[in-house]
């Protein structure tokens, strides 16, 4: 099953609630929320009050991508704000195993993200503990960047490792994915697609429908 996760970092903040309602109504199953601290990445973005205020807009999965140093400090607050899935960066966690278990103990799904230059092999010890792995296909911190081609090989390698171990783990790809290259990403083995400007840069409803049509065609 392929899932579209529109990234609200690219939405119109003047009408953020409406934007979320629109993409949810059109069939996006996840709402991708980037939390940035200005340290792990240069930018600063959303915090708990924004997540909490958006929670009433939809019952879709709130997929919270933590681009912060030591994200374990915030998992209880994120749970209270309405997060369903928390994705932390391997590079940002001193004790990744501990952070993974913090999230699971609170009843949320857990993902681990890898920056473009971080090898897939760094997750070998925790692959059987996670629900999702996020392969960053741009360097994190800013929207609108170009897709890094070598990350496709990382997706292929990760899917192969998961299959070899019989693990049912989602692979999410985030960064520079649009209608022109989403087929390549799906073929490589990803099943959750994050799209920011490719969804919110124009008619969000029509763009969601276009992505879902691509997903249907890929299944055929």
C-alpha atoms as a PDB file:
ATOM      1  CA  UNK A   1       0.000   0.000   0.000  1.00  0.00           C
ATOM      2  CA  UNK A   2       1.366   3.378  -1.036  1.00  0.00           C
ATOM      3  CA  UNK A   3       0.811   6.370   1.224  1.00  0.00           C
ATOM      4  CA  UNK A   4       1.089  10.078   0.466  1.00  0.00           C
ATOM      5  CA  UNK A   5       2.377  12.267   3.308  1.00  0.00           C
ATOM      6  CA  UNK A   6       2.039  15.942   2.361  1.00  0.00           C
ATOM      7  CA  UNK A   7       4.601  18.068   4.179  1.00  0.00           C
ATOM      8  CA  UNK A   8       2.927  21.094   5.721  1.00  0.00           C
ATOM      9  CA  UNK A   9       6.223  22.973   5.721  1.00  0.00           C
ATOM     10  CA  UNK A  10       5.257  23.932   2.155  1.00  0.00           C
ATOM     11  CA  UNK A  11       1.656  24.845   2.989  1.00  0.00           C
ATOM     12  CA  UNK A  12       0.208  28.345   3.195  1.00  0.00           C
ATOM     13  CA  UNK A  13       0.556  29.186   6.892  1.00  0.00           C
ATOM     14  CA  UNK A  14      -2.231  31.760   6.662  1.00  0.00           C
ATOM     15  CA  UNK A  15      -4.699  28.908   6.190  1.00  0.00           C
ATOM     16  CA  UNK A  16      -2.825  25.935   7.589  1.00  0.00           C
ATOM     17  CA  UNK A  17      -5.884  24.210   9.011  1.00  0.00           C
ATOM     18  CA  UNK A  18      -7.713  24.451   5.691  1.00  0.00           C
ATOM     19  CA  UNK A  19      -4.689  23.097   3.839  1.00  0.00           C
ATOM     20  CA  UNK A  20      -4.547  20.066   6.133  1.00  0.00           C
ATOM     21  CA  UNK A  21      -8.273  19.465   5.765  1.00  0.00           C
ATOM     22  CA  UNK A  22      -7.990  19.665   1.966  1.00  0.00           C
ATOM     23  CA  UNK A  23      -5.220  17.091   1.545  1.00  0.00           C
ATOM     24  CA  UNK A  24      -6.836  14.774   4.098  1.00  0.00           C
ATOM     25  CA  UNK A  25     -10.180  14.974   2.298  1.00  0.00           C
ATOM     26  CA  UNK A  26      -8.533  14.176  -1.041  1.00  0.00           C
ATOM     27  CA  UNK A  27      -6.950  10.975   0.267  1.00  0.00           C
ATOM     28  CA  UNK A  28      -3.599  11.721   1.905  1.00  0.00           C
ATOM     29  CA  UNK A  29      -3.267   9.209   4.756  1.00  0.00           C
ATOM     30  CA  UNK A  30      -0.411  10.923   6.598  1.00  0.00           C
ATOM     31  CA  UNK A  31       0.236  14.555   7.473  1.00  0.00           C
ATOM     32  CA  UNK A  32       4.011  15.107   7.576  1.00  0.00           C
ATOM     33  CA  UNK A  33       5.054  17.650  10.193  1.00  0.00           C
ATOM     34  CA  UNK A  34       8.683  18.821  10.308  1.00  0.00           C
ATOM     35  CA  UNK A  35       9.878  19.932  13.735  1.00  0.00           C
ATOM     36  CA  UNK A  36      13.215  21.803  13.519  1.00  0.00           C
ATOM     37  CA  UNK A  37      15.295  23.221  16.355  1.00  0.00           C
ATOM     38  CA  UNK A  38      17.816  25.490  14.614  1.00  0.00           C
ATOM     39  CA  UNK A  39      20.667  23.268  15.801  1.00  0.00           C
ATOM     40  CA  UNK A  40      20.420  19.879  14.113  1.00  0.00           C
ATOM     41  CA  UNK A  41      19.265  21.805  11.056  1.00  0.00           C
ATOM     42  CA  UNK A  42      19.603  25.575  10.469  1.00  0.00           C
ATOM     43  CA  UNK A  43      15.882  26.298  10.327  1.00  0.00           C
ATOM     44  CA  UNK A  44      13.278  26.580  13.082  1.00  0.00           C
ATOM     45  CA  UNK A  45       9.740  25.429  12.364  1.00  0.00           C
ATOM     46  CA  UNK A  46       6.726  24.078  14.213  1.00  0.00           C
ATOM     47  CA  UNK A  47       6.355  23.215  17.870  1.00  0.00           C
ATOM     48  CA  UNK A  48       3.820  21.459  20.037  1.00  0.00           C
ATOM     49  CA  UNK A  49       1.176  24.257  20.042  1.00  0.00           C
ATOM     50  CA  UNK A  50       0.859  24.116  16.247  1.00  0.00           C
ATOM     51  CA  UNK A  51       0.576  20.315  16.222  1.00  0.00           C
ATOM     52  CA  UNK A  52      -2.042  20.421  18.973  1.00  0.00           C
ATOM     53  CA  UNK A  53      -4.078  23.082  17.190  1.00  0.00           C
ATOM     54  CA  UNK A  54      -4.067  21.094  13.923  1.00  0.00           C
ATOM     55  CA  UNK A  55      -5.104  17.865  15.604  1.00  0.00           C
ATOM     56  CA  UNK A  56      -8.771  18.844  15.511  1.00  0.00           C
ATOM     57  CA  UNK A  57      -8.631  19.304  11.716  1.00  0.00           C
ATOM     58  CA  UNK A  58      -8.288  15.615  10.850  1.00  0.00           C
ATOM     59  CA  UNK A  59      -7.949  12.096  12.179  1.00  0.00           C
ATOM     60  CA  UNK A  60      -5.206  11.234   9.664  1.00  0.00           C
ATOM     61  CA  UNK A  61      -1.852  10.006  10.934  1.00  0.00           C
ATOM     62  CA  UNK A  62       0.329  12.822  12.253  1.00  0.00           C
ATOM     63  CA  UNK A  63       3.787  11.822  11.062  1.00  0.00           C
ATOM     64  CA  UNK A  64       6.167  14.025  13.058  1.00  0.00           C
ATOM     65  CA  UNK A  65       9.693  14.282  11.660  1.00  0.00           C
ATOM     66  CA  UNK A  66      11.988  15.424  14.468  1.00  0.00           C
ATOM     67  CA  UNK A  67      14.960  17.319  13.058  1.00  0.00           C
ATOM     68  CA  UNK A  68      16.213  18.190  16.524  1.00  0.00           C
ATOM     69  CA  UNK A  69      19.106  17.258  18.781  1.00  0.00           C
ATOM     70  CA  UNK A  70      18.222  14.523  21.292  1.00  0.00           C
ATOM     71  CA  UNK A  71      14.537  14.282  20.359  1.00  0.00           C
ATOM     72  CA  UNK A  72      13.807  11.947  23.253  1.00  0.00           C
ATOM     73  CA  UNK A  73      13.379  15.076  25.389  1.00  0.00           C
ATOM     74  CA  UNK A  74      10.131  15.887  23.607  1.00  0.00           C
ATOM     75  CA  UNK A  75       8.334  12.603  22.965  1.00  0.00           C
ATOM     76  CA  UNK A  76       5.892  12.887  25.880  1.00  0.00           C
ATOM     77  CA  UNK A  77       4.897  16.409  24.844  1.00  0.00           C
ATOM     78  CA  UNK A  78       4.468  15.279  21.240  1.00  0.00           C
ATOM     79  CA  UNK A  79       2.238  12.436  22.336  1.00  0.00           C
ATOM     80  CA  UNK A  80       0.104  14.904  24.294  1.00  0.00           C
ATOM     81  CA  UNK A  81      -0.064  17.210  21.260  1.00  0.00           C
ATOM     82  CA  UNK A  82      -1.462  14.437  19.076  1.00  0.00           C
ATOM     83  CA  UNK A  83       1.473  12.780  17.292  1.00  0.00           C
ATOM     84  CA  UNK A  84       0.833   9.248  16.007  1.00  0.00           C
ATOM     85  CA  UNK A  85       4.276   8.493  14.598  1.00  0.00           C
ATOM     86  CA  UNK A  86       7.561  10.080  15.626  1.00  0.00           C
ATOM     87  CA  UNK A  87      10.555   9.830  13.326  1.00  0.00           C
ATOM     88  CA  UNK A  88      13.948  10.681  14.831  1.00  0.00           C
ATOM     89  CA  UNK A  89      17.314  11.034  13.140  1.00  0.00           C
ATOM     90  CA  UNK A  90      19.956   8.409  13.719  1.00  0.00           C
ATOM     91  CA  UNK A  91      22.500  11.230  13.635  1.00  0.00           C
ATOM     92  CA  UNK A  92      20.711  13.228  16.357  1.00  0.00           C
ATOM     93  CA  UNK A  93      20.380  10.499  19.008  1.00  0.00           C
ATOM     94  CA  UNK A  94      23.244   9.673  21.345  1.00  0.00           C
ATOM     95  CA  UNK A  95      21.340   6.558  22.466  1.00  0.00           C
ATOM     96  CA  UNK A  96      19.107   5.607  19.547  1.00  0.00           C
ATOM     97  CA  UNK A  97      17.852   2.364  21.092  1.00  0.00           C
ATOM     98  CA  UNK A  98      16.686   4.226  24.196  1.00  0.00           C
ATOM     99  CA  UNK A  99      14.870   6.876  22.146  1.00  0.00           C
ATOM    100  CA  UNK A 100      13.131   4.241  20.019  1.00  0.00           C
ATOM    101  CA  UNK A 101      11.847   2.510  23.120  1.00  0.00           C
ATOM    102  CA  UNK A 102      10.719   5.788  24.701  1.00  0.00           C
ATOM    103  CA  UNK A 103       8.453   6.359  21.714  1.00  0.00           C
ATOM    104  CA  UNK A 104       7.144   2.784  21.628  1.00  0.00           C
ATOM    105  CA  UNK A 105       6.445   2.772  25.374  1.00  0.00           C
ATOM    106  CA  UNK A 106       4.130   5.746  24.844  1.00  0.00           C
ATOM    107  CA  UNK A 107       2.106   3.775  22.294  1.00  0.00           C
ATOM    108  CA  UNK A 108       3.246   5.633  19.200  1.00  0.00           C
ATOM    109  CA  UNK A 109       4.785   4.265  16.024  1.00  0.00           C
ATOM    110  CA  UNK A 110       8.483   4.969  15.585  1.00  0.00           C
ATOM    111  CA  UNK A 111      10.597   5.819  12.574  1.00  0.00           C
ATOM    112  CA  UNK A 112      14.291   6.492  12.157  1.00  0.00           C
ATOM    113  CA  UNK A 113      15.583   8.916   9.521  1.00  0.00           C
ATOM    114  CA  UNK A 114      18.928   8.848   7.740  1.00  0.00           C
ATOM    115  CA  UNK A 115      20.614  11.848   6.153  1.00  0.00           C
ATOM    116  CA  UNK A 116      21.730  11.356   2.533  1.00  0.00           C
ATOM    117  CA  UNK A 117      25.346  10.512   3.403  1.00  0.00           C
ATOM    118  CA  UNK A 118      24.556   8.167   6.330  1.00  0.00           C
ATOM    119  CA  UNK A 119      24.828   4.472   5.370  1.00  0.00           C
ATOM    120  CA  UNK A 120      21.820   2.181   5.697  1.00  0.00           C
ATOM    121  CA  UNK A 121      24.005  -0.275   7.620  1.00  0.00           C
ATOM    122  CA  UNK A 122      23.969   2.035  10.668  1.00  0.00           C
ATOM    123  CA  UNK A 123      20.439   0.774  11.393  1.00  0.00           C
ATOM    124  CA  UNK A 124      21.174  -2.964  11.267  1.00  0.00           C
ATOM    125  CA  UNK A 125      20.822  -3.353  15.040  1.00  0.00           C
ATOM    126  CA  UNK A 126      17.442  -1.613  15.263  1.00  0.00           C
ATOM    127  CA  UNK A 127      15.641  -2.540  12.037  1.00  0.00           C
ATOM    128  CA  UNK A 128      13.503  -5.078  13.887  1.00  0.00           C
ATOM    129  CA  UNK A 129      12.398  -2.423  16.397  1.00  0.00           C
ATOM    130  CA  UNK A 130      11.065   0.268  14.059  1.00  0.00           C
ATOM    131  CA  UNK A 131       7.875   0.737  12.052  1.00  0.00           C
ATOM    132  CA  UNK A 132       9.446   2.972   9.409  1.00  0.00           C
ATOM    133  CA  UNK A 133      12.775   4.134   8.027  1.00  0.00           C
ATOM    134  CA  UNK A 134      12.958   7.541   6.380  1.00  0.00           C
ATOM    135  CA  UNK A 135      15.562   7.982   3.676  1.00  0.00           C
ATOM    136  CA  UNK A 136      16.269  11.681   3.253  1.00  0.00           C
ATOM    137  CA  UNK A 137      16.721  12.444  -0.430  1.00  0.00           C
ATOM    138  CA  UNK A 138      17.847  16.015   0.274  1.00  0.00           C
ATOM    139  CA  UNK A 139      19.920  17.415   3.100  1.00  0.00           C
ATOM    140  CA  UNK A 140      17.386  18.245   5.812  1.00  0.00           C
ATOM    141  CA  UNK A 141      16.404  21.707   6.887  1.00  0.00           C
ATOM    142  CA  UNK A 142      14.880  23.457   3.880  1.00  0.00           C
ATOM    143  CA  UNK A 143      12.018  22.800   1.486  1.00  0.00           C
ATOM    144  CA  UNK A 144      12.225  22.983  -2.291  1.00  0.00           C
ATOM    145  CA  UNK A 145      15.595  21.221  -2.745  1.00  0.00           C
ATOM    146  CA  UNK A 146      16.518  18.954  -5.648  1.00  0.00           C
ATOM    147  CA  UNK A 147      16.377  15.186  -5.258  1.00  0.00           C
ATOM    148  CA  UNK A 148      19.801  13.565  -4.672  1.00  0.00           C
ATOM    149  CA  UNK A 149      20.029  10.648  -7.155  1.00  0.00           C
ATOM    150  CA  UNK A 150      22.264   8.325  -5.128  1.00  0.00           C
ATOM    151  CA  UNK A 151      19.618   8.057  -2.420  1.00  0.00           C
ATOM    152  CA  UNK A 152      17.660   5.737  -4.727  1.00  0.00           C
ATOM    153  CA  UNK A 153      20.354   3.118  -4.220  1.00  0.00           C
ATOM    154  CA  UNK A 154      19.951   3.521  -0.461  1.00  0.00           C
ATOM    155  CA  UNK A 155      16.231   2.792  -0.808  1.00  0.00           C
ATOM    156  CA  UNK A 156      16.997  -0.318  -2.852  1.00  0.00           C
ATOM    157  CA  UNK A 157      19.589  -1.486  -0.336  1.00  0.00           C
ATOM    158  CA  UNK A 158      17.252  -0.914   2.592  1.00  0.00           C
ATOM    159  CA  UNK A 159      14.380  -2.784   0.938  1.00  0.00           C
ATOM    160  CA  UNK A 160      16.721  -5.684   0.213  1.00  0.00           C
ATOM    161  CA  UNK A 161      17.902  -5.821   3.839  1.00  0.00           C
ATOM    162  CA  UNK A 162      14.333  -5.739   5.127  1.00  0.00           C
ATOM    163  CA  UNK A 163      13.217  -8.476   2.742  1.00  0.00           C
ATOM    164  CA  UNK A 164      16.188 -10.665   3.663  1.00  0.00           C
ATOM    165  CA  UNK A 165      15.166 -10.477   7.328  1.00  0.00           C
ATOM    166  CA  UNK A 166      11.435 -10.829   6.660  1.00  0.00           C
ATOM    167  CA  UNK A 167      10.678  -7.450   8.228  1.00  0.00           C
ATOM    168  CA  UNK A 168       7.496  -5.527   7.397  1.00  0.00           C
ATOM    169  CA  UNK A 169       8.901  -2.011   7.778  1.00  0.00           C
ATOM    170  CA  UNK A 170       7.730   1.015   5.809  1.00  0.00           C
ATOM    171  CA  UNK A 171      10.234   3.007   3.770  1.00  0.00           C
ATOM    172  CA  UNK A 172       9.533   6.709   3.534  1.00  0.00           C
ATOM    173  CA  UNK A 173      11.365   9.081   1.196  1.00  0.00           C
ATOM    174  CA  UNK A 174      11.468  12.819   1.816  1.00  0.00           C
ATOM    175  CA  UNK A 175      12.947  15.553  -0.342  1.00  0.00           C
ATOM    176  CA  UNK A 176      12.566  16.625  -3.930  1.00  0.00           C
ATOM    177  CA  UNK A 177       9.956  14.004  -4.827  1.00  0.00           C
ATOM    178  CA  UNK A 178       7.411  15.074  -7.418  1.00  0.00           C
ATOM    179  CA  UNK A 179       5.201  13.595 -10.104  1.00  0.00           C
ATOM    180  CA  UNK A 180       8.189  13.398 -12.450  1.00  0.00           C
ATOM    181  CA  UNK A 181      10.309  11.073 -10.305  1.00  0.00           C
ATOM    182  CA  UNK A 182       7.902   9.375  -7.895  1.00  0.00           C
ATOM    183  CA  UNK A 183       7.784   6.238 -10.085  1.00  0.00           C
ATOM    184  CA  UNK A 184      11.533   5.757  -9.626  1.00  0.00           C
ATOM    185  CA  UNK A 185      11.205   6.119  -5.874  1.00  0.00           C
ATOM    186  CA  UNK A 186       8.382   3.581  -5.677  1.00  0.00           C
ATOM    187  CA  UNK A 187      10.224   1.139  -7.923  1.00  0.00           C
ATOM    188  CA  UNK A 188      13.279   1.371  -5.667  1.00  0.00           C
ATOM    189  CA  UNK A 189      11.172   0.113  -2.768  1.00  0.00           C
ATOM    190  CA  UNK A 190       9.627   3.083  -0.954  1.00  0.00           C
ATOM    191  CA  UNK A 191       5.956   2.988  -0.003  1.00  0.00           C
ATOM    192  CA  UNK A 192       5.444   6.307   1.827  1.00  0.00           C
ATOM    193  CA  UNK A 193       6.098   9.473  -0.147  1.00  0.00           C
ATOM    194  CA  UNK A 194       6.611  12.861   1.474  1.00  0.00           C
ATOM    195  CA  UNK A 195       5.824  15.744  -0.858  1.00  0.00           C
ATOM    196  CA  UNK A 196       5.828  19.414   0.082  1.00  0.00           C
ATOM    197  CA  UNK A 197       5.932  21.914  -2.748  1.00  0.00           C
ATOM    198  CA  UNK A 198       4.780  19.191  -5.174  1.00  0.00           C
ATOM    199  CA  UNK A 199       1.483  19.118  -3.252  1.00  0.00           C
ATOM    200  CA  UNK A 200       1.044  22.611  -1.833  1.00  0.00           C
ATOM    201  CA  UNK A 201       2.667  24.536  -4.702  1.00  0.00           C
ATOM    202  CA  UNK A 202      -0.535  25.156  -6.602  1.00  0.00           C
ATOM    203  CA  UNK A 203      -3.863  23.304  -6.405  1.00  0.00           C
ATOM    204  CA  UNK A 204      -3.303  20.989  -3.420  1.00  0.00           C
ATOM    205  CA  UNK A 205      -6.440  18.945  -4.055  1.00  0.00           C
ATOM    206  CA  UNK A 206      -5.540  18.300  -7.694  1.00  0.00           C
ATOM    207  CA  UNK A 207      -1.932  17.528  -6.789  1.00  0.00           C
ATOM    208  CA  UNK A 208      -2.963  14.941  -4.197  1.00  0.00           C
ATOM    209  CA  UNK A 209      -5.208  13.301  -6.777  1.00  0.00           C
ATOM    210  CA  UNK A 210      -2.340  13.239  -9.280  1.00  0.00           C
ATOM    211  CA  UNK A 211      -0.068  11.484  -6.785  1.00  0.00           C
ATOM    212  CA  UNK A 212      -2.738   8.935  -5.904  1.00  0.00           C
ATOM    213  CA  UNK A 213      -3.269   8.234  -9.601  1.00  0.00           C
ATOM    214  CA  UNK A 214       0.481   7.576  -9.921  1.00  0.00           C
ATOM    215  CA  UNK A 215       0.234   5.156  -6.999  1.00  0.00           C
ATOM    216  CA  UNK A 216      -2.643   3.287  -8.655  1.00  0.00           C
ATOM    217  CA  UNK A 217      -0.786   3.051 -11.937  1.00  0.00           C
ATOM    218  CA  UNK A 218       2.299   1.706 -10.166  1.00  0.00           C
ATOM    219  CA  UNK A 219       0.282  -1.079  -8.555  1.00  0.00           C
ATOM    220  CA  UNK A 220      -0.951  -2.150 -11.998  1.00  0.00           C
END
